């Protein structure tokens, strides 16, 4: 899920998705990218940037790996999006692997984790030296 509060204070990929999510994010971690599969993000965004002869976006260099934060906070081992939802007693919304559905599901996970006391800050950084070699 991409969160930007620069001008509108809303969740960019699903505008107006929820007051609670916007309030939590605006207060606790504005301008943070929340990802549950950072490998896809790093690999495919880098490939798209290279294809279009663009620099890797600066706002995407640091991000919150929600999966890693989830595992550390709840003391579980490897999880996927469905297992994170199930562990929290949440139900998946929409179509699996759909961008907007995954965004909403990640937002629900993030909200629940913050309510449970998790600190969701940037915990990963893209290595710009190696990202274009993959």
Protein backbone atom coordinates (compact mmCIF):
# COMPACT_ATOMS: atom_id res chain seq x y z
CA UNK A 1 0.00 0.00 0.00
CA UNK A 2 1.34 3.40 -0.83
CA UNK A 3 0.67 6.11 1.70
CA UNK A 4 1.24 9.77 0.91
CA UNK A 5 0.04 12.65 3.00
CA UNK A 6 1.85 15.42 1.15
CA UNK A 7 -1.16 17.27 -0.20
CA UNK A 8 -4.37 15.37 0.46
CA UNK A 9 -3.73 13.33 3.59
CA UNK A 10 -5.28 10.25 2.02
CA UNK A 11 -4.23 6.76 1.05
CA UNK A 12 -3.04 7.14 -2.53
CA UNK A 13 -3.89 3.71 -3.98
CA UNK A 14 -7.33 3.53 -2.42
CA UNK A 15 -8.40 7.10 -1.78
CA UNK A 16 -10.81 7.49 1.09
CA UNK A 17 -10.42 3.87 2.17
CA UNK A 18 -10.98 4.61 5.79
CA UNK A 19 -10.84 7.30 8.41
CA UNK A 20 -9.09 5.04 10.90
CA UNK A 21 -6.32 4.08 8.50
CA UNK A 22 -5.78 7.68 7.40
CA UNK A 23 -5.73 8.93 10.98
CA UNK A 24 -3.29 6.27 12.16
CA UNK A 25 -0.97 6.68 9.21
CA UNK A 26 -1.02 10.48 9.15
CA UNK A 27 -0.14 10.49 12.82
CA UNK A 28 2.30 7.62 13.12
CA UNK A 29 4.03 7.07 9.81
CA UNK A 30 3.33 9.54 7.01
CA UNK A 31 5.05 8.97 3.66
CA UNK A 32 5.60 5.28 4.34
CA UNK A 33 5.33 2.49 1.82
CA UNK A 34 3.79 -0.68 3.30
CA UNK A 35 4.66 -3.89 1.46
CA UNK A 36 4.05 -7.55 2.20
CA UNK A 37 6.24 -8.85 -0.66
CA UNK A 38 9.18 -6.46 -1.06
CA UNK A 39 11.02 -8.79 -3.43
CA UNK A 40 8.35 -8.27 -6.12
CA UNK A 41 8.35 -4.56 -5.52
CA UNK A 42 12.14 -4.17 -5.74
CA UNK A 43 12.52 -6.49 -8.72
CA UNK A 44 9.64 -5.27 -10.87
CA UNK A 45 9.81 -1.58 -10.05
CA UNK A 46 13.54 -1.60 -10.83
CA UNK A 47 12.86 -3.41 -14.10
CA UNK A 48 10.16 -0.90 -15.07
CA UNK A 49 12.43 2.04 -14.21
CA UNK A 50 15.27 0.55 -16.25
CA UNK A 51 12.93 -0.11 -19.19
CA UNK A 52 11.72 3.51 -19.13
CA UNK A 53 15.22 4.91 -18.53
CA UNK A 54 14.13 6.41 -15.18
CA UNK A 55 15.81 6.64 -11.80
CA UNK A 56 14.46 4.47 -9.03
CA UNK A 57 11.93 6.69 -7.16
CA UNK A 58 13.45 8.23 -4.05
CA UNK A 59 10.25 7.73 -2.02
CA UNK A 60 10.54 3.97 -2.63
CA UNK A 61 14.08 3.48 -1.33
CA UNK A 62 12.96 3.04 2.29
CA UNK A 63 9.85 1.08 3.13
CA UNK A 64 8.08 -0.96 5.79
CA UNK A 65 8.21 -4.70 5.22
CA UNK A 66 4.88 -5.54 6.86
CA UNK A 67 5.55 -9.28 6.71
CA UNK A 68 8.80 -8.94 8.67
CA UNK A 69 7.21 -6.56 11.20
CA UNK A 70 4.27 -8.95 11.58
CA UNK A 71 6.49 -11.97 12.23
CA UNK A 72 8.59 -10.11 14.80
CA UNK A 73 5.64 -8.49 16.56
CA UNK A 74 3.42 -11.58 16.82
CA UNK A 75 6.27 -14.08 17.22
CA UNK A 76 5.43 -16.21 14.19
CA UNK A 77 7.65 -17.62 11.49
CA UNK A 78 6.97 -17.31 7.76
CA UNK A 79 3.55 -15.97 6.76
CA UNK A 80 1.79 -14.88 3.61
CA UNK A 81 -0.97 -12.30 3.27
CA UNK A 82 -3.76 -14.84 3.85
CA UNK A 83 -2.11 -16.22 6.99
CA UNK A 84 -1.55 -12.72 8.38
CA UNK A 85 -5.26 -11.96 7.91
CA UNK A 86 -6.28 -15.28 9.44
CA UNK A 87 -3.95 -14.83 12.43
CA UNK A 88 -5.57 -11.46 13.15
CA UNK A 89 -9.11 -12.82 12.72
CA UNK A 90 -9.63 -10.78 9.55
CA UNK A 91 -11.18 -11.87 6.27
CA UNK A 92 -9.60 -11.23 2.88
CA UNK A 93 -11.38 -8.58 0.85
CA UNK A 94 -11.75 -8.79 -2.92
CA UNK A 95 -9.81 -10.89 -5.39
CA UNK A 96 -6.47 -12.45 -4.37
CA UNK A 97 -3.45 -10.81 -6.02
CA UNK A 98 -5.52 -7.87 -7.22
CA UNK A 99 -3.66 -4.62 -6.57
CA UNK A 100 -6.55 -2.80 -4.92
CA UNK A 101 -7.67 -5.88 -2.94
CA UNK A 102 -4.14 -6.51 -1.67
CA UNK A 103 -3.85 -2.82 -0.77
CA UNK A 104 -7.04 -2.95 1.29
CA UNK A 105 -5.98 -6.17 2.99
CA UNK A 106 -2.55 -4.76 3.85
CA UNK A 107 -4.26 -1.63 5.19
CA UNK A 108 -6.44 -3.80 7.46
CA UNK A 109 -3.37 -5.66 8.71
CA UNK A 110 -1.49 -2.40 9.32
CA UNK A 111 -4.43 -0.88 11.25
CA UNK A 112 -4.77 -3.97 13.42
CA UNK A 113 -1.04 -4.10 14.12
CA UNK A 114 -0.97 -0.43 15.12
CA UNK A 115 -4.01 -0.91 17.39
CA UNK A 116 -2.16 -3.86 18.95
CA UNK A 117 0.83 -1.61 19.67
CA UNK A 118 3.20 -2.39 16.79
CA UNK A 119 5.58 0.32 15.61
CA UNK A 120 5.50 0.32 11.81
CA UNK A 121 8.42 2.36 10.63
CA UNK A 122 10.71 1.88 7.64
CA UNK A 123 12.66 -1.30 8.26
CA UNK A 124 14.16 -1.99 4.83
CA UNK A 125 16.19 -0.08 2.30
CA UNK A 126 16.65 -0.80 -1.41
CA UNK A 127 20.31 -1.34 -2.32
CA UNK A 128 20.63 0.92 -5.37
CA UNK A 129 24.08 -0.54 -6.18
CA UNK A 130 22.67 -4.01 -6.86
CA UNK A 131 19.02 -3.46 -7.78
CA UNK A 132 19.60 -3.09 -11.50
CA UNK A 133 21.80 -6.19 -11.80
CA UNK A 134 19.00 -8.68 -11.13
